[in-house]
C-alpha atoms as a PDB file:
ATOM      1  CA  MET A   1    -169.613-200.901-186.614  1.00  0.00           C
ATOM      2  CA  PRO A   2    -166.369-202.222-188.216  1.00  0.00           C
ATOM      3  CA  GLY A   3    -163.456-199.962-187.454  1.00  0.00           C
ATOM      4  CA  LYS A   4    -159.676-199.871-187.259  1.00  0.00           C
ATOM      5  CA  ILE A   5    -157.948-202.310-184.911  1.00  0.00           C
ATOM      6  CA  LEU A   6    -154.277-202.079-183.915  1.00  0.00           C
ATOM      7  CA  VAL A   7    -152.677-205.466-183.180  1.00  0.00           C
ATOM      8  CA  VAL A   8    -149.498-205.254-181.101  1.00  0.00           C
ATOM      9  CA  ASP A   9    -147.711-208.606-180.858  1.00  0.00           C
ATOM     10  CA  ASP A  10    -144.132-209.685-181.562  1.00  0.00           C
ATOM     11  CA  GLU A  11    -145.209-213.084-182.919  1.00  0.00           C
ATOM     12  CA  PRO A  12    -145.865-212.863-186.694  1.00  0.00           C
ATOM     13  CA  ALA A  13    -148.024-216.012-186.607  1.00  0.00           C
ATOM     14  CA  ILE A  14    -150.332-214.496-183.982  1.00  0.00           C
ATOM     15  CA  ARG A  15    -150.619-211.248-185.929  1.00  0.00           C
ATOM     16  CA  ALA A  16    -151.404-213.153-189.131  1.00  0.00           C
ATOM     17  CA  MET A  17    -154.129-215.182-187.422  1.00  0.00           C
ATOM     18  CA  VAL A  18    -155.687-212.127-185.816  1.00  0.00           C
ATOM     19  CA  ARG A  19    -155.415-210.098-189.031  1.00  0.00           C
ATOM     20  CA  PHE A  20    -157.231-212.791-191.011  1.00  0.00           C
ATOM     21  CA  ALA A  21    -160.038-213.072-188.427  1.00  0.00           C
ATOM     22  CA  LEU A  22    -160.530-209.305-188.224  1.00  0.00           C
ATOM     23  CA  LYS A  23    -160.543-208.805-191.982  1.00  0.00           C
ATOM     24  CA  GLN A  24    -163.112-211.584-192.330  1.00  0.00           C
ATOM     25  CA  ALA A  25    -165.286-209.496-190.018  1.00  0.00           C
ATOM     26  CA  ASP A  26    -164.682-206.365-192.173  1.00  0.00           C
ATOM     27  CA  PHE A  27    -162.344-204.630-189.715  1.00  0.00           C
ATOM     28  CA  THR A  28    -159.303-202.704-190.888  1.00  0.00           C
ATOM     29  CA  CYS A  29    -156.217-204.146-189.226  1.00  0.00           C
ATOM     30  CA  ILE A  30    -152.881-202.430-188.629  1.00  0.00           C
ATOM     31  CA  GLU A  31    -149.943-204.169-186.924  1.00  0.00           C
ATOM     32  CA  ALA A  32    -146.943-203.495-184.729  1.00  0.00           C
ATOM     33  CA  ALA A  33    -144.303-205.817-183.281  1.00  0.00           C
ATOM     34  CA  ASP A  34    -143.494-203.682-180.247  1.00  0.00           C
ATOM     35  CA  ALA A  35    -144.630-200.655-178.252  1.00  0.00           C
ATOM     36  CA  GLU A  36    -142.418-198.212-180.187  1.00  0.00           C
ATOM     37  CA  GLN A  37    -143.931-199.211-183.538  1.00  0.00           C
ATOM     38  CA  ALA A  38    -147.381-199.160-181.987  1.00  0.00           C
ATOM     39  CA  GLN A  39    -146.948-195.613-180.681  1.00  0.00           C
ATOM     40  CA  THR A  40    -145.895-194.404-184.131  1.00  0.00           C
ATOM     41  CA  LEU A  41    -149.064-195.876-185.629  1.00  0.00           C
ATOM     42  CA  VAL A  42    -151.260-194.505-182.835  1.00  0.00           C
ATOM     43  CA  LEU A  43    -149.962-190.966-183.361  1.00  0.00           C
ATOM     44  CA  LYS A  44    -150.414-191.262-187.123  1.00  0.00           C
ATOM     45  CA  ASP A  45    -153.978-192.559-187.084  1.00  0.00           C
ATOM     46  CA  LEU A  46    -155.776-193.304-183.812  1.00  0.00           C
ATOM     47  CA  PRO A  47    -157.301-196.831-183.841  1.00  0.00           C
ATOM     48  CA  ASP A  48    -160.763-197.685-182.533  1.00  0.00           C
ATOM     49  CA  LEU A  49    -159.394-200.503-180.369  1.00  0.00           C
ATOM     50  CA  ILE A  50    -155.996-201.984-179.478  1.00  0.00           C
ATOM     51  CA  LEU A  51    -155.168-205.688-179.106  1.00  0.00           C
ATOM     52  CA  LEU A  52    -152.052-205.652-176.951  1.00  0.00           C
ATOM     53  CA  ASP A  53    -149.751-208.552-176.096  1.00  0.00           C
ATOM     54  CA  TRP A  54    -148.573-208.684-172.466  1.00  0.00           C
ATOM     55  CA  MET A  55    -145.030-209.896-173.268  1.00  0.00           C
ATOM     56  CA  LEU A  56    -143.432-207.509-175.750  1.00  0.00           C
ATOM     57  CA  PRO A  57    -139.726-206.920-176.378  1.00  0.00           C
ATOM     58  CA  GLY A  58    -138.461-203.690-174.841  1.00  0.00           C
ATOM     59  CA  VAL A  59    -141.435-201.947-173.240  1.00  0.00           C
ATOM     60  CA  SER A  60    -143.855-204.599-171.994  1.00  0.00           C
ATOM     61  CA  GLY A  61    -147.523-204.590-172.950  1.00  0.00           C
ATOM     62  CA  VAL A  62    -148.406-203.904-169.317  1.00  0.00           C
ATOM     63  CA  ASP A  63    -146.225-200.770-169.213  1.00  0.00           C
ATOM     64  CA  TYR A  64    -147.443-199.619-172.611  1.00  0.00           C
ATOM     65  CA  ALA A  65    -151.077-200.013-171.528  1.00  0.00           C
ATOM     66  CA  ARG A  66    -150.359-197.755-168.552  1.00  0.00           C
ATOM     67  CA  ARG A  67    -148.797-195.196-170.887  1.00  0.00           C
ATOM     68  CA  LEU A  68    -151.822-195.299-173.191  1.00  0.00           C
ATOM     69  CA  ARG A  69    -154.101-194.623-170.241  1.00  0.00           C
ATOM     70  CA  ARG A  70    -151.994-191.690-169.011  1.00  0.00           C
ATOM     71  CA  GLU A  71    -152.018-189.825-172.324  1.00  0.00           C
ATOM     72  CA  ARG A  72    -155.091-187.776-173.241  1.00  0.00           C
ATOM     73  CA  LEU A  73    -155.038-188.881-176.897  1.00  0.00           C
ATOM     74  CA  THR A  74    -155.353-192.571-176.043  1.00  0.00           C
ATOM     75  CA  GLN A  75    -156.926-192.654-172.589  1.00  0.00           C
ATOM     76  CA  ASN A  76    -160.333-193.617-174.015  1.00  0.00           C
ATOM     77  CA  VAL A  77    -159.192-196.151-176.630  1.00  0.00           C
ATOM     78  CA  PRO A  78    -160.342-199.652-175.573  1.00  0.00           C
ATOM     79  CA  ILE A  79    -157.600-202.220-174.918  1.00  0.00           C
ATOM     80  CA  ILE A  80    -157.857-206.010-174.966  1.00  0.00           C
ATOM     81  CA  MET A  81    -154.771-207.590-173.404  1.00  0.00           C
ATOM     82  CA  LEU A  82    -153.508-210.803-174.987  1.00  0.00           C
ATOM     83  CA  THR A  83    -151.612-212.984-172.552  1.00  0.00           C
ATOM     84  CA  ALA A  84    -150.287-216.503-172.078  1.00  0.00           C
ATOM     85  CA  ARG A  85    -150.722-216.031-168.323  1.00  0.00           C
ATOM     86  CA  ALA A  86    -153.782-217.885-167.033  1.00  0.00           C
ATOM     87  CA  ASP A  87    -153.346-217.157-163.313  1.00  0.00           C
ATOM     88  CA  GLU A  88    -156.205-215.159-161.792  1.00  0.00           C
ATOM     89  CA  ASP A  89    -153.873-212.612-160.221  1.00  0.00           C
ATOM     90  CA  ASP A  90    -152.279-211.968-163.607  1.00  0.00           C
ATOM     91  CA  LYS A  91    -155.703-211.398-165.134  1.00  0.00           C
ATOM     92  CA  VAL A  92    -156.574-208.927-162.397  1.00  0.00           C
ATOM     93  CA  ARG A  93    -153.218-207.200-162.972  1.00  0.00           C
ATOM     94  CA  ALA A  94    -153.989-206.935-166.698  1.00  0.00           C
ATOM     95  CA  LEU A  95    -157.274-205.222-165.902  1.00  0.00           C
ATOM     96  CA  GLY A  96    -155.458-203.045-163.387  1.00  0.00           C
ATOM     97  CA  THR A  97    -153.279-201.554-166.140  1.00  0.00           C
ATOM     98  CA  GLY A  98    -156.349-200.022-167.750  1.00  0.00           C
ATOM     99  CA  ALA A  99    -157.208-202.868-170.115  1.00  0.00           C
ATOM    100  CA  ASP A 100    -160.925-203.352-170.761  1.00  0.00           C
ATOM    101  CA  ASP A 101    -160.675-207.104-171.283  1.00  0.00           C
ATOM    102  CA  PHE A 102    -158.115-209.887-171.588  1.00  0.00           C
ATOM    103  CA  MET A 103    -157.769-213.102-173.554  1.00  0.00           C
ATOM    104  CA  THR A 104    -155.536-216.021-172.629  1.00  0.00           C
ATOM    105  CA  LYS A 105    -153.458-217.597-175.402  1.00  0.00           C
ATOM    106  CA  PRO A 106    -154.229-219.760-177.238  1.00  0.00           C
ATOM    107  CA  PHE A 107    -157.607-218.212-178.017  1.00  0.00           C
ATOM    108  CA  SER A 108    -160.346-218.712-180.571  1.00  0.00           C
ATOM    109  CA  PRO A 109    -160.319-216.153-183.413  1.00  0.00           C
ATOM    110  CA  ARG A 110    -164.137-216.203-183.363  1.00  0.00           C
ATOM    111  CA  GLU A 111    -164.191-215.378-179.665  1.00  0.00           C
ATOM    112  CA  LEU A 112    -161.675-212.594-180.198  1.00  0.00           C
ATOM    113  CA  VAL A 113    -163.829-210.997-182.897  1.00  0.00           C
ATOM    114  CA  ALA A 114    -166.903-211.369-180.671  1.00  0.00           C
ATOM    115  CA  ARG A 115    -165.174-209.550-177.829  1.00  0.00           C
ATOM    116  CA  VAL A 116    -163.951-206.775-180.118  1.00  0.00           C
ATOM    117  CA  LYS A 117    -167.483-206.259-181.441  1.00  0.00           C
ATOM    118  CA  ALA A 118    -168.956-206.332-177.925  1.00  0.00           C
ATOM    119  CA  ILE A 119    -166.626-203.598-176.684  1.00  0.00           C
ATOM    120  CA  LEU A 120    -167.221-201.397-179.724  1.00  0.00           C
ATOM    121  CA  ARG A 121    -171.005-201.845-179.355  1.00  0.00           C
ATOM    122  CA  ARG A 122    -170.812-200.700-175.739  1.00  0.00           C
ATOM    123  CA  ILE A 123    -168.875-197.583-176.655  1.00  0.00           C
ATOM    124  CA  ALA A 124    -170.996-196.501-179.632  1.00  0.00           C
ATOM    125  CA  PRO A 125    -174.143-195.406-177.728  1.00  0.00           C
ATOM    126  CA  MET A 126    -172.110-192.987-175.620  1.00  0.00           C
ATOM    127  CA  ALA A 127    -171.322-190.854-178.658  1.00  0.00           C
ATOM    128  CA  SER A 128    -174.799-189.317-178.831  1.00  0.00           C
ATOM    129  CA  GLY A 129    -175.984-189.628-175.229  1.00  0.00           C
ATOM    130  CA  ASP A 130    -177.445-186.879-173.086  1.00  0.00           C
ATOM    131  CA  VAL A 131    -175.514-185.056-170.394  1.00  0.00           C
ATOM    132  CA  VAL A 132    -176.104-186.566-166.938  1.00  0.00           C
ATOM    133  CA  ALA A 133    -175.735-184.682-163.656  1.00  0.00           C
ATOM    134  CA  VAL A 134    -175.833-185.720-160.021  1.00  0.00           C
ATOM    135  CA  ALA A 135    -175.241-182.747-157.707  1.00  0.00           C
ATOM    136  CA  ASP A 136    -172.113-181.058-159.142  1.00  0.00           C
ATOM    137  CA  LEU A 137    -170.902-184.224-160.870  1.00  0.00           C
ATOM    138  CA  ILE A 138    -171.545-183.906-164.601  1.00  0.00           C
ATOM    139  CA  LEU A 139    -170.942-186.572-167.262  1.00  0.00           C
ATOM    140  CA  ASP A 140    -171.098-185.794-170.980  1.00  0.00           C
ATOM    141  CA  PRO A 141    -171.080-188.938-173.187  1.00  0.00           C
ATOM    142  CA  SER A 142    -170.636-186.972-176.415  1.00  0.00           C
ATOM    143  CA  THR A 143    -167.308-185.473-175.305  1.00  0.00           C
ATOM    144  CA  HIS A 144    -166.364-188.228-172.845  1.00  0.00           C
ATOM    145  CA  LYS A 145    -165.823-185.624-170.124  1.00  0.00           C
ATOM    146  CA  VAL A 146    -166.598-185.802-166.426  1.00  0.00           C
ATOM    147  CA  LEU A 147    -166.644-182.647-164.333  1.00  0.00           C
ATOM    148  CA  ALA A 148    -166.725-182.386-160.561  1.00  0.00           C
ATOM    149  CA  GLY A 149    -167.576-178.731-160.145  1.00  0.00           C
ATOM    150  CA  ASP A 150    -164.915-177.012-162.248  1.00  0.00           C
ATOM    151  CA  GLU A 151    -162.483-179.925-162.058  1.00  0.00           C
ATOM    152  CA  HIS A 152    -162.032-182.274-164.993  1.00  0.00           C
ATOM    153  CA  LEU A 153    -161.777-185.931-163.939  1.00  0.00           C
ATOM    154  CA  SER A 154    -159.778-188.428-165.984  1.00  0.00           C
ATOM    155  CA  LEU A 155    -161.520-191.802-166.344  1.00  0.00           C
ATOM    156  CA  GLY A 156    -160.696-194.809-168.487  1.00  0.00           C
ATOM    157  CA  PRO A 157    -163.384-196.031-170.922  1.00  0.00           C
ATOM    158  CA  THR A 158    -164.656-198.804-168.670  1.00  0.00           C
ATOM    159  CA  GLU A 159    -164.829-196.545-165.604  1.00  0.00           C
ATOM    160  CA  PHE A 160    -166.615-193.948-167.748  1.00  0.00           C
ATOM    161  CA  ARG A 161    -169.263-196.486-168.784  1.00  0.00           C
ATOM    162  CA  LEU A 162    -169.528-197.694-165.204  1.00  0.00           C
ATOM    163  CA  LEU A 163    -170.090-194.158-163.908  1.00  0.00           C
ATOM    164  CA  HIS A 164    -172.575-193.463-166.701  1.00  0.00           C
ATOM    165  CA  PHE A 165    -174.563-196.544-165.688  1.00  0.00           C
ATOM    166  CA  PHE A 166    -174.539-195.575-162.010  1.00  0.00           C
ATOM    167  CA  MET A 167    -175.488-191.950-162.666  1.00  0.00           C
ATOM    168  CA  THR A 168    -178.452-193.022-164.800  1.00  0.00           C
ATOM    169  CA  HIS A 169    -179.548-195.638-162.239  1.00  0.00           C
ATOM    170  CA  THR A 170    -179.109-193.856-158.910  1.00  0.00           C
ATOM    171  CA  GLU A 171    -180.317-195.036-155.497  1.00  0.00           C
ATOM    172  CA  ARG A 172    -180.898-198.602-156.673  1.00  0.00           C
ATOM    173  CA  VAL A 173    -178.858-201.561-155.476  1.00  0.00           C
ATOM    174  CA  HIS A 174    -177.243-203.455-158.364  1.00  0.00           C
ATOM    175  CA  SER A 175    -175.770-206.929-158.139  1.00  0.00           C
ATOM    176  CA  ARG A 176    -172.387-207.573-159.722  1.00  0.00           C
ATOM    177  CA  GLU A 177    -174.157-209.666-162.366  1.00  0.00           C
ATOM    178  CA  ARG A 178    -176.448-206.742-163.201  1.00  0.00           C
ATOM    179  CA  VAL A 179    -173.480-204.367-163.493  1.00  0.00           C
ATOM    180  CA  LEU A 180    -171.644-206.851-165.728  1.00  0.00           C
ATOM    181  CA  ASP A 181    -174.644-207.122-168.049  1.00  0.00           C
ATOM    182  CA  ALA A 182    -175.129-203.359-168.227  1.00  0.00           C
ATOM    183  CA  VAL A 183    -171.497-202.249-168.613  1.00  0.00           C
ATOM    184  CA  TRP A 184    -169.765-205.228-170.239  1.00  0.00           C
ATOM    185  CA  GLY A 185    -172.754-206.887-171.968  1.00  0.00           C
ATOM    186  CA  SER A 186    -174.562-210.147-171.294  1.00  0.00           C
ATOM    187  CA  ASN A 187    -172.191-212.050-173.582  1.00  0.00           C
ATOM    188  CA  ALA A 188    -169.009-210.874-171.849  1.00  0.00           C
ATOM    189  CA  TYR A 189    -166.526-213.644-171.039  1.00  0.00           C
ATOM    190  CA  ILE A 190    -165.423-212.223-167.702  1.00  0.00           C
ATOM    191  CA  ASP A 191    -166.178-212.982-164.068  1.00  0.00           C
ATOM    192  CA  GLU A 192    -167.769-210.855-161.360  1.00  0.00           C
ATOM    193  CA  ARG A 193    -164.419-210.013-159.738  1.00  0.00           C
ATOM    194  CA  THR A 194    -163.796-207.767-162.720  1.00  0.00           C
ATOM    195  CA  VAL A 195    -166.564-205.482-161.432  1.00  0.00           C
ATOM    196  CA  ASP A 196    -164.750-205.049-158.110  1.00  0.00           C
ATOM    197  CA  VAL A 197    -161.486-204.140-159.895  1.00  0.00           C
ATOM    198  CA  HIS A 198    -163.130-201.381-161.911  1.00  0.00           C
ATOM    199  CA  ILE A 199    -165.210-200.142-158.967  1.00  0.00           C
ATOM    200  CA  ARG A 200    -161.937-199.583-157.071  1.00  0.00           C
ATOM    201  CA  ARG A 201    -160.481-197.699-160.036  1.00  0.00           C
ATOM    202  CA  LEU A 202    -163.635-195.570-160.350  1.00  0.00           C
ATOM    203  CA  ARG A 203    -163.495-194.693-156.661  1.00  0.00           C
ATOM    204  CA  ARG A 204    -159.833-193.691-156.948  1.00  0.00           C
ATOM    205  CA  ALA A 205    -160.687-191.394-159.866  1.00  0.00           C
ATOM    206  CA  LEU A 206    -163.501-189.774-157.857  1.00  0.00           C
ATOM    207  CA  MET A 207    -161.603-189.584-154.561  1.00  0.00           C
ATOM    208  CA  ALA A 208    -159.939-186.173-154.997  1.00  0.00           C
ATOM    209  CA  SER A 209    -163.315-184.518-155.582  1.00  0.00           C
ATOM    210  CA  GLY A 210    -164.977-186.443-152.738  1.00  0.00           C
ATOM    211  CA  TYR A 211    -167.510-188.131-154.991  1.00  0.00           C
ATOM    212  CA  ASP A 212    -166.112-191.587-154.258  1.00  0.00           C
ATOM    213  CA  ARG A 213    -168.541-191.625-151.311  1.00  0.00           C
ATOM    214  CA  TYR A 214    -171.411-191.833-153.825  1.00  0.00           C
ATOM    215  CA  VAL A 215    -170.275-195.316-154.919  1.00  0.00           C
ATOM    216  CA  GLN A 216    -171.479-197.449-152.019  1.00  0.00           C
ATOM    217  CA  THR A 217    -170.949-201.135-151.335  1.00  0.00           C
ATOM    218  CA  VAL A 218    -174.025-202.995-150.133  1.00  0.00           C
ATOM    219  CA  ARG A 219    -172.518-205.972-148.345  1.00  0.00           C
ATOM    220  CA  GLY A 220    -173.605-209.309-149.714  1.00  0.00           C
ATOM    221  CA  VAL A 221    -175.642-207.721-152.507  1.00  0.00           C
ATOM    222  CA  GLY A 222    -173.666-205.392-154.761  1.00  0.00           C
ATOM    223  CA  TYR A 223    -173.333-201.647-155.300  1.00  0.00           C
ATOM    224  CA  ARG A 224    -175.431-198.495-155.156  1.00  0.00           C
ATOM    225  CA  PHE A 225    -174.789-194.963-156.432  1.00  0.00           C
ATOM    226  CA  SER A 226    -176.360-192.515-154.018  1.00  0.00           C
ATOM    227  CA  GLY A 227    -176.412-188.756-154.533  1.00  0.00           C
ATOM    228  CA  ASP A 228    -176.951-188.379-150.785  1.00  0.00           C
ATOM    229  CA  GLY A 229    -173.412-189.672-150.209  1.00  0.00           C
END
């Protein structure tokens, strides 16, 4: 599982700490001090995951995360946002940029490595999965493509996994805890509100094709994906 991790942080001490922890876990680590340097590295050799600081000089980590999600080359690369902001609204905002997870500074290097491994484990099974179809909505894990009829839908990696889970578990009602376990993993260090954030993003991505109606809220219980709309 070890892969290449891009660390984007303007604090040399943070980069050194993260680099040491990742190399101890057999990951290859490349570093950038700002978004411009990071983009150069991304275009040269696409990383398997990006650790991105919120507060960067010049282009902020939040704005750079949005850019990464807009561009086809990087829209599926997992992002963990590193932030000194501990407020819940800031955490929700970090997830809203397209980040898959966040960590509040100061953080434990062991926890960081655990989260990196957890995200990469979740992504790996998709590479050889079978095509899934519900009505004219088709999801192909091997190419990371979603088609609504002839229209290609652009989904971030977390929304892709979320849709894959729903499409392979249709008509059943799933609690937020169940969705967290299935999409983020049972050892994820995130709360249930995270599910709601990504459900909203998934619905927005499906809205133009009308398939957002398939993602149904069951009040007081959780969510259901129904092909009957």
